[in-house]
Amino acid sequence: LTKAVPTPAQRQAKLAECAEHILLRPDGRLKGDKLLAPTLKTILECQAAHTDKPRELIRTCAEEWLSSLEDDPKADPPEEQPFLSLKTAPQYLRTMFGLLRRECAALDGGTKAPLEDHADLSAAAVTAELKELVELFSSLAQAMRGTHISSINIVTLRESAVFLAWFNSRALPFISSQFIGQHGEMITLLKAIQPTTRMLQALCVDVKARLETGCLTPASTLKRELESLVLQVKVMLQKNGCREAFWVGNLKHKNSSGVEVSSQMYVEAKKGLKKAGTPKKKKKVKKKKADDDEDEPVDVDADDEEEDGDAMAVDGGGTSDADEEDEDEEGE
């Protein structure tokens, strides 16, 4: 009897199963050992490339694996993912974001045609697909929320900018064209992405405040996409005759963990951290009297001699010391 030749789909399923087996249940030779970064990268990409349930894999990785990591480099890895740690988390994130990009490209259908002209899906089906993609993006972007590790922040900022660029160029024109006919669904879709964009904006402020130089370029790119999103939503509402739905509110200045903080960002000087506007100590100098040769100490305000001291404050929220700590942001 000849053995049946497996089909390409069966081969892909077997490859994904083998990669999952290595990552979830390592054998005795790998147990307790660390995989080299290139090896781990290859196994993760193999699993992502051949899985038949890519969206379920993204959701599981974001909501169960990555979110279970403790913010401690010495903490034990999760039982279900023995190779996952704060050191390897960027590779997991990068692979899952790559899988999300593949799902976005599948919705495009390999063409630059507008999504409303999709040959295989109706407008309602495209809306449902966009909603699910936004949910997956939000899960990935917020999976490591509050983790102050530069390598993780770089991946989050860079990959979030890539997704938002796709959303601005592909999804927003579709939302604008279908806004009147699917008003409720489109409002729900825009509201679904708002919490994540606010968190990403706070993350951009955080990395600048902590002077994470490797994050500054991705943060600048992401901020441009966030601004483009706000402006395009405003134009879309105006085009559809509901400009009044766009409002400007006063939001508390919060960091990426959701904790309210001051709108002032501080730069560490040689003598430590000081707040801008702190009264400087008065210097005692000697002033000679005209009619006497004796010296007498006289208090002179040092502020009269120089305006800047050792402490420096960088304005992160566009406000001065006289402004309130609330930051004006635009919302829908």
C-alpha atoms as a PDB file:
ATOM      1  CA  LEU A   1       0.000   0.000   0.000  1.00  0.00           C
ATOM      2  CA  THR A   2       1.253   3.448  -0.865  1.00  0.00           C
ATOM      3  CA  LYS A   3       1.011   6.154   1.726  1.00  0.00           C
ATOM      4  CA  ALA A   4      -1.217   9.070   0.777  1.00  0.00           C
ATOM      5  CA  VAL A   5       0.670  12.242  -0.046  1.00  0.00           C
ATOM      6  CA  PRO A   6      -0.391  15.072   2.282  1.00  0.00           C
ATOM      7  CA  THR A   7      -1.964  18.105   0.708  1.00  0.00           C
ATOM      8  CA  PRO A   8      -0.362  21.592   1.092  1.00  0.00           C
ATOM      9  CA  ALA A   9      -3.003  22.495   3.674  1.00  0.00           C
ATOM     10  CA  GLN A  10      -2.169  19.384   5.703  1.00  0.00           C
ATOM     11  CA  ARG A  11       1.532  20.183   5.539  1.00  0.00           C
ATOM     12  CA  GLN A  12       0.935  23.704   6.771  1.00  0.00           C
ATOM     13  CA  ALA A  13      -1.217  22.449   9.630  1.00  0.00           C
ATOM     14  CA  LYS A  14       1.486  19.971  10.623  1.00  0.00           C
ATOM     15  CA  LEU A  15       4.183  22.660  10.592  1.00  0.00           C
ATOM     16  CA  ALA A  16       2.067  24.931  12.782  1.00  0.00           C
ATOM     17  CA  GLU A  17       1.387  22.023  15.131  1.00  0.00           C
ATOM     18  CA  CYS A  18       5.098  21.211  15.427  1.00  0.00           C
ATOM     19  CA  ALA A  19       5.992  24.849  16.171  1.00  0.00           C
ATOM     20  CA  GLU A  20       3.248  25.056  18.786  1.00  0.00           C
ATOM     21  CA  HIS A  21       4.474  21.801  20.358  1.00  0.00           C
ATOM     22  CA  ILE A  22       7.993  23.202  20.757  1.00  0.00           C
ATOM     23  CA  LEU A  23       6.775  26.491  22.240  1.00  0.00           C
ATOM     24  CA  LEU A  24       4.208  24.992  24.607  1.00  0.00           C
ATOM     25  CA  ARG A  25       5.702  21.654  25.622  1.00  0.00           C
ATOM     26  CA  PRO A  26       9.477  21.578  25.117  1.00  0.00           C
ATOM     27  CA  ASP A  27      11.169  18.180  25.351  1.00  0.00           C
ATOM     28  CA  GLY A  28      13.804  17.227  27.876  1.00  0.00           C
ATOM     29  CA  ARG A  29      16.666  18.686  25.886  1.00  0.00           C
ATOM     30  CA  LEU A  30      15.113  22.165  25.776  1.00  0.00           C
ATOM     31  CA  LYS A  31      13.429  22.172  29.161  1.00  0.00           C
ATOM     32  CA  GLY A  32      14.828  24.892  31.357  1.00  0.00           C
ATOM     33  CA  ASP A  33      17.145  26.102  28.594  1.00  0.00           C
ATOM     34  CA  LYS A  34      16.837  29.258  26.560  1.00  0.00           C
ATOM     35  CA  LEU A  35      16.374  29.229  22.828  1.00  0.00           C
ATOM     36  CA  LEU A  36      18.666  31.439  20.834  1.00  0.00           C
ATOM     37  CA  ALA A  37      16.904  34.505  19.502  1.00  0.00           C
ATOM     38  CA  PRO A  38      17.149  33.456  15.806  1.00  0.00           C
ATOM     39  CA  THR A  39      15.763  30.005  16.653  1.00  0.00           C
ATOM     40  CA  LEU A  40      12.840  31.439  18.606  1.00  0.00           C
ATOM     41  CA  LYS A  41      12.161  33.906  15.804  1.00  0.00           C
ATOM     42  CA  THR A  42      12.075  31.077  13.240  1.00  0.00           C
ATOM     43  CA  ILE A  43       9.710  28.945  15.323  1.00  0.00           C
ATOM     44  CA  LEU A  44       7.319  31.831  16.014  1.00  0.00           C
ATOM     45  CA  GLU A  45       7.244  32.860  12.356  1.00  0.00           C
ATOM     46  CA  CYS A  46       6.658  29.229  11.322  1.00  0.00           C
ATOM     47  CA  GLN A  47       3.684  29.000  13.652  1.00  0.00           C
ATOM     48  CA  ALA A  48       2.284  32.341  12.464  1.00  0.00           C
ATOM     49  CA  ALA A  49       2.807  31.570   8.773  1.00  0.00           C
ATOM     50  CA  HIS A  50       1.103  28.169   8.794  1.00  0.00           C
ATOM     51  CA  THR A  51      -1.642  28.504  11.381  1.00  0.00           C
ATOM     52  CA  ASP A  52      -5.191  28.093  10.116  1.00  0.00           C
ATOM     53  CA  LYS A  53      -6.554  30.346  12.870  1.00  0.00           C
ATOM     54  CA  PRO A  54      -4.411  33.496  12.734  1.00  0.00           C
ATOM     55  CA  ARG A  55      -6.819  35.797  14.541  1.00  0.00           C
ATOM     56  CA  GLU A  56      -7.316  33.360  17.370  1.00  0.00           C
ATOM     57  CA  LEU A  57      -3.532  33.091  17.721  1.00  0.00           C
ATOM     58  CA  ILE A  58      -3.178  36.886  17.886  1.00  0.00           C
ATOM     59  CA  ARG A  59      -5.915  37.164  20.501  1.00  0.00           C
ATOM     60  CA  THR A  60      -4.463  34.370  22.631  1.00  0.00           C
ATOM     61  CA  CYS A  61      -0.949  35.806  22.501  1.00  0.00           C
ATOM     62  CA  ALA A  62      -2.103  39.324  23.415  1.00  0.00           C
ATOM     63  CA  GLU A  63      -4.754  38.595  26.037  1.00  0.00           C
ATOM     64  CA  GLU A  64      -3.299  35.500  27.711  1.00  0.00           C
ATOM     65  CA  TRP A  65       0.431  35.152  27.108  1.00  0.00           C
ATOM     66  CA  LEU A  66       1.789  38.712  26.997  1.00  0.00           C
ATOM     67  CA  SER A  67      -0.654  40.157  29.529  1.00  0.00           C
ATOM     68  CA  SER A  68       0.372  37.486  32.065  1.00  0.00           C
ATOM     69  CA  LEU A  69       3.996  38.652  32.143  1.00  0.00           C
ATOM     70  CA  GLU A  70       5.095  40.282  35.366  1.00  0.00           C
ATOM     71  CA  ASP A  71       7.030  43.526  35.214  1.00  0.00           C
ATOM     72  CA  ASP A  72      10.073  41.854  36.736  1.00  0.00           C
ATOM     73  CA  PRO A  73      13.011  40.551  34.668  1.00  0.00           C
ATOM     74  CA  LYS A  74      13.677  37.842  37.283  1.00  0.00           C
ATOM     75  CA  ALA A  75      10.103  36.524  37.337  1.00  0.00           C
ATOM     76  CA  ASP A  76       9.427  32.993  36.127  1.00  0.00           C
ATOM     77  CA  PRO A  77       7.902  32.673  32.627  1.00  0.00           C
ATOM     78  CA  PRO A  78       4.238  31.646  32.247  1.00  0.00           C
ATOM     79  CA  GLU A  79       3.673  27.901  32.445  1.00  0.00           C
ATOM     80  CA  GLU A  80       1.959  27.782  29.055  1.00  0.00           C
ATOM     81  CA  GLN A  81       4.834  29.662  27.384  1.00  0.00           C
ATOM     82  CA  PRO A  82       8.175  28.621  28.949  1.00  0.00           C
ATOM     83  CA  PHE A  83      10.227  30.684  26.463  1.00  0.00           C
ATOM     84  CA  LEU A  84       8.255  33.902  26.973  1.00  0.00           C
ATOM     85  CA  SER A  85       9.909  36.564  29.092  1.00  0.00           C
ATOM     86  CA  LEU A  86      10.400  40.309  29.114  1.00  0.00           C
ATOM     87  CA  LYS A  87      13.504  39.729  27.001  1.00  0.00           C
ATOM     88  CA  THR A  88      11.700  37.670  24.327  1.00  0.00           C
ATOM     89  CA  ALA A  89       8.383  39.571  24.487  1.00  0.00           C
ATOM     90  CA  PRO A  90       9.416  41.997  21.675  1.00  0.00           C
ATOM     91  CA  GLN A  91       9.806  39.050  19.295  1.00  0.00           C
ATOM     92  CA  TYR A  92       6.353  37.719  20.213  1.00  0.00           C
ATOM     93  CA  LEU A  93       4.878  41.191  19.693  1.00  0.00           C
ATOM     94  CA  ARG A  94       6.672  41.690  16.381  1.00  0.00           C
ATOM     95  CA  THR A  95       5.479  38.329  15.051  1.00  0.00           C
ATOM     96  CA  MET A  96       1.854  38.915  16.057  1.00  0.00           C
ATOM     97  CA  PHE A  97       1.832  42.416  14.561  1.00  0.00           C
ATOM     98  CA  GLY A  98       3.214  40.905  11.359  1.00  0.00           C
ATOM     99  CA  LEU A  99       0.352  38.410  11.372  1.00  0.00           C
ATOM    100  CA  LEU A 100      -2.083  41.299  11.851  1.00  0.00           C
ATOM    101  CA  ARG A 101      -0.579  43.074   8.818  1.00  0.00           C
ATOM    102  CA  ARG A 102      -1.157  39.924   6.810  1.00  0.00           C
ATOM    103  CA  GLU A 103      -4.825  39.941   7.822  1.00  0.00           C
ATOM    104  CA  CYS A 104      -5.129  43.586   6.774  1.00  0.00           C
ATOM    105  CA  ALA A 105      -3.576  42.758   3.397  1.00  0.00           C
ATOM    106  CA  ALA A 106      -6.058  39.892   2.991  1.00  0.00           C
ATOM    107  CA  LEU A 107      -8.926  42.327   3.497  1.00  0.00           C
ATOM    108  CA  ASP A 108      -7.422  44.596   0.837  1.00  0.00           C
ATOM    109  CA  GLY A 109      -7.578  41.652  -1.547  1.00  0.00           C
ATOM    110  CA  GLY A 110      -4.169  42.448  -3.022  1.00  0.00           C
ATOM    111  CA  THR A 111      -5.480  45.550  -4.789  1.00  0.00           C
ATOM    112  CA  LYS A 112      -5.570  49.293  -4.158  1.00  0.00           C
ATOM    113  CA  ALA A 113      -9.267  49.465  -4.982  1.00  0.00           C
ATOM    114  CA  PRO A 114     -11.476  51.104  -2.319  1.00  0.00           C
ATOM    115  CA  LEU A 115     -12.828  48.729   0.274  1.00  0.00           C
ATOM    116  CA  GLU A 116     -16.397  49.660  -0.649  1.00  0.00           C
ATOM    117  CA  ASP A 117     -15.751  48.063  -4.045  1.00  0.00           C
ATOM    118  CA  HIS A 118     -14.652  44.755  -2.519  1.00  0.00           C
ATOM    119  CA  ALA A 119     -15.559  41.959  -4.925  1.00  0.00           C
ATOM    120  CA  ASP A 120     -16.189  39.221  -2.358  1.00  0.00           C
ATOM    121  CA  LEU A 121     -17.599  41.049   0.661  1.00  0.00           C
ATOM    122  CA  SER A 122     -20.582  43.299   1.198  1.00  0.00           C
ATOM    123  CA  ALA A 123     -20.248  46.661   2.951  1.00  0.00           C
ATOM    124  CA  ALA A 124     -21.635  45.194   6.177  1.00  0.00           C
ATOM    125  CA  ALA A 125     -19.117  42.318   6.013  1.00  0.00           C
ATOM    126  CA  VAL A 126     -16.220  44.728   5.451  1.00  0.00           C
ATOM    127  CA  THR A 127     -17.380  46.735   8.486  1.00  0.00           C
ATOM    128  CA  ALA A 128     -17.389  43.582  10.621  1.00  0.00           C
ATOM    129  CA  GLU A 129     -13.877  42.715   9.395  1.00  0.00           C
ATOM    130  CA  LEU A 130     -12.606  46.196  10.241  1.00  0.00           C
ATOM    131  CA  LYS A 131     -14.114  46.004  13.701  1.00  0.00           C
ATOM    132  CA  GLU A 132     -12.379  42.696  14.411  1.00  0.00           C
ATOM    133  CA  LEU A 133      -9.039  43.990  13.112  1.00  0.00           C
ATOM    134  CA  VAL A 134      -9.326  47.070  15.343  1.00  0.00           C
ATOM    135  CA  GLU A 135     -10.042  44.835  18.346  1.00  0.00           C
ATOM    136  CA  LEU A 136      -6.980  42.710  17.591  1.00  0.00           C
ATOM    137  CA  PHE A 137      -4.829  45.822  17.201  1.00  0.00           C
ATOM    138  CA  SER A 138      -6.075  47.204  20.514  1.00  0.00           C
ATOM    139  CA  SER A 139      -5.300  43.920  22.273  1.00  0.00           C
ATOM    140  CA  LEU A 140      -1.739  43.856  20.935  1.00  0.00           C
ATOM    141  CA  ALA A 141      -1.032  47.547  21.548  1.00  0.00           C
ATOM    142  CA  GLN A 142      -2.228  47.362  25.161  1.00  0.00           C
ATOM    143  CA  ALA A 143      -0.855  43.900  25.946  1.00  0.00           C
ATOM    144  CA  MET A 144       2.304  45.313  27.571  1.00  0.00           C
ATOM    145  CA  ARG A 145       0.753  48.526  28.838  1.00  0.00           C
ATOM    146  CA  GLY A 146       2.706  50.102  31.671  1.00  0.00           C
ATOM    147  CA  THR A 147       5.900  48.111  31.006  1.00  0.00           C
ATOM    148  CA  HIS A 148       8.824  50.549  30.953  1.00  0.00           C
ATOM    149  CA  ILE A 149      11.161  48.473  28.796  1.00  0.00           C
ATOM    150  CA  SER A 150      12.616  50.262  25.795  1.00  0.00           C
ATOM    151  CA  SER A 151      12.732  47.232  23.452  1.00  0.00           C
ATOM    152  CA  ILE A 152       9.034  46.508  24.039  1.00  0.00           C
ATOM    153  CA  ASN A 153       8.056  50.158  23.623  1.00  0.00           C
ATOM    154  CA  ILE A 154       9.958  50.426  20.334  1.00  0.00           C
ATOM    155  CA  VAL A 155       8.027  47.504  18.833  1.00  0.00           C
ATOM    156  CA  THR A 156       4.696  48.814  20.124  1.00  0.00           C
ATOM    157  CA  LEU A 157       5.293  52.324  18.771  1.00  0.00           C
ATOM    158  CA  ARG A 158       6.656  51.237  15.381  1.00  0.00           C
ATOM    159  CA  GLU A 159       4.039  48.561  14.675  1.00  0.00           C
ATOM    160  CA  SER A 160       1.173  50.757  15.901  1.00  0.00           C
ATOM    161  CA  ALA A 161       2.253  53.469  13.465  1.00  0.00           C
ATOM    162  CA  VAL A 162       2.192  50.923  10.611  1.00  0.00           C
ATOM    163  CA  PHE A 163      -1.340  49.781  11.467  1.00  0.00           C
ATOM    164  CA  LEU A 164      -2.667  53.322  11.883  1.00  0.00           C
ATOM    165  CA  ALA A 165      -1.152  54.311   8.537  1.00  0.00           C
ATOM    166  CA  TRP A 166      -3.114  51.468   6.935  1.00  0.00           C
ATOM    167  CA  PHE A 167      -6.248  52.433   8.860  1.00  0.00           C
ATOM    168  CA  ASN A 168      -5.972  56.081   7.807  1.00  0.00           C
ATOM    169  CA  SER A 169      -5.400  55.295   4.122  1.00  0.00           C
ATOM    170  CA  ARG A 170      -7.759  52.314   3.698  1.00  0.00           C
ATOM    171  CA  ALA A 171     -10.346  52.133   6.469  1.00  0.00           C
ATOM    172  CA  LEU A 172     -11.250  55.811   6.933  1.00  0.00           C
ATOM    173  CA  PRO A 173     -12.247  56.385   3.274  1.00  0.00           C
ATOM    174  CA  PHE A 174     -14.541  53.341   3.541  1.00  0.00           C
ATOM    175  CA  ILE A 175     -16.018  54.608   6.826  1.00  0.00           C
ATOM    176  CA  SER A 176     -16.658  57.999   5.222  1.00  0.00           C
ATOM    177  CA  SER A 177     -18.410  56.442   2.208  1.00  0.00           C
ATOM    178  CA  GLN A 178     -20.636  54.254   4.396  1.00  0.00           C
ATOM    179  CA  PHE A 179     -21.174  56.694   7.260  1.00  0.00           C
ATOM    180  CA  ILE A 180     -24.753  57.641   6.419  1.00  0.00           C
ATOM    181  CA  GLY A 181     -25.947  54.118   5.672  1.00  0.00           C
ATOM    182  CA  GLN A 182     -24.206  52.485   8.677  1.00  0.00           C
ATOM    183  CA  HIS A 183     -24.092  55.376  11.098  1.00  0.00           C
ATOM    184  CA  GLY A 184     -24.303  53.313  14.297  1.00  0.00           C
ATOM    185  CA  GLU A 185     -21.722  50.733  13.228  1.00  0.00           C
ATOM    186  CA  MET A 186     -19.239  53.396  12.138  1.00  0.00           C
ATOM    187  CA  ILE A 187     -19.548  55.316  15.412  1.00  0.00           C
ATOM    188  CA  THR A 188     -18.977  52.062  17.306  1.00  0.00           C
ATOM    189  CA  LEU A 189     -15.904  51.338  15.188  1.00  0.00           C
ATOM    190  CA  LEU A 190     -14.378  54.757  15.859  1.00  0.00           C
ATOM    191  CA  LYS A 191     -15.112  54.516  19.581  1.00  0.00           C
ATOM    192  CA  ALA A 192     -13.422  51.101  19.689  1.00  0.00           C
ATOM    193  CA  ILE A 193     -10.085  52.545  18.605  1.00  0.00           C
ATOM    194  CA  GLN A 194     -10.186  55.641  20.838  1.00  0.00           C
ATOM    195  CA  PRO A 195      -8.903  54.084  24.115  1.00  0.00           C
ATOM    196  CA  THR A 196      -5.900  52.655  22.293  1.00  0.00           C
ATOM    197  CA  THR A 197      -5.021  55.923  20.559  1.00  0.00           C
ATOM    198  CA  ARG A 198      -5.167  57.732  23.901  1.00  0.00           C
ATOM    199  CA  MET A 199      -2.872  55.138  25.465  1.00  0.00           C
ATOM    200  CA  LEU A 200      -0.437  55.430  22.551  1.00  0.00           C
ATOM    201  CA  GLN A 201      -0.413  59.217  22.890  1.00  0.00           C
ATOM    202  CA  ALA A 202       0.442  58.836  26.579  1.00  0.00           C
ATOM    203  CA  LEU A 203       3.162  56.322  25.677  1.00  0.00           C
ATOM    204  CA  CYS A 204       4.737  58.864  23.315  1.00  0.00           C
ATOM    205  CA  VAL A 205       4.850  61.347  26.189  1.00  0.00           C
ATOM    206  CA  ASP A 206       6.287  58.729  28.544  1.00  0.00           C
ATOM    207  CA  VAL A 207       9.220  57.717  26.347  1.00  0.00           C
ATOM    208  CA  LYS A 208      10.085  61.375  25.780  1.00  0.00           C
ATOM    209  CA  ALA A 209       9.958  62.107  29.502  1.00  0.00           C
ATOM    210  CA  ARG A 210      12.226  59.146  30.289  1.00  0.00           C
ATOM    211  CA  LEU A 211      14.583  60.142  27.445  1.00  0.00           C
ATOM    212  CA  GLU A 212      14.404  56.749  25.720  1.00  0.00           C
ATOM    213  CA  THR A 213      16.361  57.807  22.655  1.00  0.00           C
ATOM    214  CA  GLY A 214      15.626  54.629  20.713  1.00  0.00           C
ATOM    215  CA  CYS A 215      11.894  55.315  20.985  1.00  0.00           C
ATOM    216  CA  LEU A 216      11.898  58.947  19.860  1.00  0.00           C
ATOM    217  CA  THR A 217      11.841  58.331  16.087  1.00  0.00           C
ATOM    218  CA  PRO A 218       9.034  55.706  16.223  1.00  0.00           C
ATOM    219  CA  ALA A 219       7.136  57.982  18.618  1.00  0.00           C
ATOM    220  CA  SER A 220       7.357  60.911  16.183  1.00  0.00           C
ATOM    221  CA  THR A 221       6.055  58.733  13.336  1.00  0.00           C
ATOM    222  CA  LEU A 222       3.216  57.456  15.500  1.00  0.00           C
ATOM    223  CA  LYS A 223       2.217  60.964  16.610  1.00  0.00           C
ATOM    224  CA  ARG A 224       1.916  62.032  12.970  1.00  0.00           C
ATOM    225  CA  GLU A 225      -0.439  59.115  12.305  1.00  0.00           C
ATOM    226  CA  LEU A 226      -2.475  59.940  15.404  1.00  0.00           C
ATOM    227  CA  GLU A 227      -2.820  63.552  14.297  1.00  0.00           C
ATOM    228  CA  SER A 228      -3.777  62.410  10.802  1.00  0.00           C
ATOM    229  CA  LEU A 229      -6.466  60.164  12.271  1.00  0.00           C
ATOM    230  CA  VAL A 230      -8.025  63.029  14.241  1.00  0.00           C
ATOM    231  CA  LEU A 231      -7.954  65.408  11.262  1.00  0.00           C
ATOM    232  CA  GLN A 232      -9.416  62.856   8.839  1.00  0.00           C
ATOM    233  CA  VAL A 233     -12.243  62.019  11.242  1.00  0.00           C
ATOM    234  CA  LYS A 234     -13.007  65.738  11.510  1.00  0.00           C
ATOM    235  CA  VAL A 235     -13.083  66.075   7.700  1.00  0.00           C
ATOM    236  CA  MET A 236     -15.241  62.968   7.400  1.00  0.00           C
ATOM    237  CA  LEU A 237     -17.833  64.300   9.848  1.00  0.00           C
ATOM    238  CA  GLN A 238     -17.895  67.669   8.105  1.00  0.00           C
ATOM    239  CA  LYS A 239     -18.333  65.984   4.723  1.00  0.00           C
ATOM    240  CA  ASN A 240     -21.294  64.015   6.037  1.00  0.00           C
ATOM    241  CA  GLY A 241     -22.961  67.040   7.602  1.00  0.00           C
ATOM    242  CA  CYS A 242     -22.380  66.220  11.264  1.00  0.00           C
ATOM    243  CA  ARG A 243     -19.508  68.498  12.167  1.00  0.00           C
ATOM    244  CA  GLU A 244     -21.100  69.199  15.573  1.00  0.00           C
ATOM    245  CA  ALA A 245     -20.358  65.613  16.615  1.00  0.00           C
ATOM    246  CA  PHE A 246     -16.666  66.530  16.747  1.00  0.00           C
ATOM    247  CA  TRP A 247     -15.851  68.135  20.082  1.00  0.00           C
ATOM    248  CA  VAL A 248     -12.815  69.207  22.050  1.00  0.00           C
ATOM    249  CA  GLY A 249     -12.657  68.128  25.674  1.00  0.00           C
ATOM    250  CA  ASN A 250     -10.367  68.620  28.648  1.00  0.00           C
ATOM    251  CA  LEU A 251      -8.705  65.322  29.479  1.00  0.00           C
ATOM    252  CA  LYS A 252      -6.506  64.568  32.455  1.00  0.00           C
ATOM    253  CA  HIS A 253      -2.813  64.191  31.663  1.00  0.00           C
ATOM    254  CA  LYS A 254      -2.108  60.473  32.238  1.00  0.00           C
ATOM    255  CA  ASN A 255       0.803  58.168  31.569  1.00  0.00           C
ATOM    256  CA  SER A 256       0.643  54.889  29.657  1.00  0.00           C
ATOM    257  CA  SER A 257      -0.438  53.045  32.818  1.00  0.00           C
ATOM    258  CA  GLY A 258      -3.499  55.268  33.168  1.00  0.00           C
ATOM    259  CA  VAL A 259      -2.197  57.122  36.225  1.00  0.00           C
ATOM    260  CA  GLU A 260      -2.752  60.879  36.330  1.00  0.00           C
ATOM    261  CA  VAL A 261       0.529  62.764  36.265  1.00  0.00           C
ATOM    262  CA  SER A 262       1.738  66.327  35.951  1.00  0.00           C
ATOM    263  CA  SER A 263       1.836  67.856  32.497  1.00  0.00           C
ATOM    264  CA  GLN A 264       5.429  68.954  33.141  1.00  0.00           C
ATOM    265  CA  MET A 265       8.200  66.571  32.065  1.00  0.00           C
ATOM    266  CA  TYR A 266      11.486  66.799  33.880  1.00  0.00           C
ATOM    267  CA  VAL A 267      15.001  66.426  32.554  1.00  0.00           C
ATOM    268  CA  GLU A 268      17.606  65.086  34.924  1.00  0.00           C
ATOM    269  CA  ALA A 269      20.345  67.613  35.597  1.00  0.00           C
ATOM    270  CA  LYS A 270      23.699  67.003  37.254  1.00  0.00           C
ATOM    271  CA  LYS A 271      22.393  67.892  40.696  1.00  0.00           C
ATOM    272  CA  GLY A 272      19.208  65.821  40.430  1.00  0.00           C
ATOM    273  CA  LEU A 273      15.621  66.506  39.460  1.00  0.00           C
ATOM    274  CA  LYS A 274      14.159  69.910  40.214  1.00  0.00           C
ATOM    275  CA  LYS A 275      10.920  71.459  39.165  1.00  0.00           C
ATOM    276  CA  ALA A 276      10.930  74.516  36.970  1.00  0.00           C
ATOM    277  CA  GLY A 277      10.019  77.634  38.875  1.00  0.00           C
ATOM    278  CA  THR A 278      11.504  76.453  42.196  1.00  0.00           C
ATOM    279  CA  PRO A 279      12.776  79.486  44.125  1.00  0.00           C
ATOM    280  CA  LYS A 280      16.538  79.635  44.064  1.00  0.00           C
ATOM    281  CA  LYS A 281      18.498  80.042  47.230  1.00  0.00           C
ATOM    282  CA  LYS A 282      19.679  83.495  48.001  1.00  0.00           C
ATOM    283  CA  LYS A 283      23.363  84.115  47.939  1.00  0.00           C
ATOM    284  CA  LYS A 284      25.100  86.105  50.562  1.00  0.00           C
ATOM    285  CA  VAL A 285      27.580  88.575  49.200  1.00  0.00           C
ATOM    286  CA  LYS A 286      29.598  91.255  50.816  1.00  0.00           C
ATOM    287  CA  LYS A 287      28.847  94.887  50.136  1.00  0.00           C
ATOM    288  CA  LYS A 288      31.282  97.554  51.192  1.00  0.00           C
ATOM    289  CA  LYS A 289      29.903 100.640  52.815  1.00  0.00           C
ATOM    290  CA  ALA A 290      31.026 103.947  51.438  1.00  0.00           C
ATOM    291  CA  ASP A 291      31.770 105.494  54.816  1.00  0.00           C
ATOM    292  CA  ASP A 292      33.211 102.422  56.522  1.00  0.00           C
ATOM    293  CA  ASP A 293      35.948  99.951  55.682  1.00  0.00           C
ATOM    294  CA  GLU A 294      34.140  97.066  57.437  1.00  0.00           C
ATOM    295  CA  ASP A 295      32.316  94.455  55.305  1.00  0.00           C
ATOM    296  CA  GLU A 296      28.737  93.549  56.114  1.00  0.00           C
ATOM    297  CA  PRO A 297      26.841  90.583  54.581  1.00  0.00           C
ATOM    298  CA  VAL A 298      23.848  91.652  52.525  1.00  0.00           C
ATOM    299  CA  ASP A 299      21.205  89.334  50.971  1.00  0.00           C
ATOM    300  CA  VAL A 300      20.976  89.530  47.200  1.00  0.00           C
ATOM    301  CA  ASP A 301      18.434  87.495  45.203  1.00  0.00           C
ATOM    302  CA  ALA A 302      20.272  85.156  42.864  1.00  0.00           C
ATOM    303  CA  ASP A 303      17.436  85.441  40.392  1.00  0.00           C
ATOM    304  CA  ASP A 304      18.580  88.964  39.637  1.00  0.00           C
ATOM    305  CA  GLU A 305      21.909  87.623  38.436  1.00  0.00           C
ATOM    306  CA  GLU A 306      20.784  84.687  36.299  1.00  0.00           C
ATOM    307  CA  GLU A 307      17.443  83.428  35.138  1.00  0.00           C
ATOM    308  CA  ASP A 308      18.366  79.782  34.553  1.00  0.00           C
ATOM    309  CA  GLY A 309      19.677  77.361  37.151  1.00  0.00           C
ATOM    310  CA  ASP A 310      20.821  73.783  37.112  1.00  0.00           C
ATOM    311  CA  ALA A 311      17.256  72.400  36.952  1.00  0.00           C
ATOM    312  CA  MET A 312      15.528  72.189  33.618  1.00  0.00           C
ATOM    313  CA  ALA A 313      11.869  71.385  32.837  1.00  0.00           C
ATOM    314  CA  VAL A 314      10.699  70.313  29.426  1.00  0.00           C
ATOM    315  CA  ASP A 315       7.111  71.235  28.632  1.00  0.00           C
ATOM    316  CA  GLY A 316       5.402  68.007  27.559  1.00  0.00           C
ATOM    317  CA  GLY A 317       1.819  69.091  27.378  1.00  0.00           C
ATOM    318  CA  GLY A 318       2.040  72.452  25.682  1.00  0.00           C
ATOM    319  CA  THR A 319       1.397  74.295  28.962  1.00  0.00           C
ATOM    320  CA  SER A 320       3.420  76.624  31.168  1.00  0.00           C
ATOM    321  CA  ASP A 321       3.646  76.716  34.955  1.00  0.00           C
ATOM    322  CA  ALA A 322       0.614  78.942  35.062  1.00  0.00           C
ATOM    323  CA  ASP A 323      -1.484  76.484  33.079  1.00  0.00           C
ATOM    324  CA  GLU A 324      -3.549  73.736  34.610  1.00  0.00           C
ATOM    325  CA  GLU A 325      -2.465  70.122  34.407  1.00  0.00           C
ATOM    326  CA  ASP A 326      -5.376  69.215  32.201  1.00  0.00           C
ATOM    327  CA  GLU A 327      -4.447  68.717  28.548  1.00  0.00           C
ATOM    328  CA  ASP A 328      -6.682  69.700  25.671  1.00  0.00           C
ATOM    329  CA  GLU A 329      -7.236  66.854  23.281  1.00  0.00           C
ATOM    330  CA  GLU A 330      -9.632  66.337  20.426  1.00  0.00           C
ATOM    331  CA  GLY A 331     -12.211  63.536  20.416  1.00  0.00           C
ATOM    332  CA  GLU A 332     -15.183  62.449  18.436  1.00  0.00           C
END
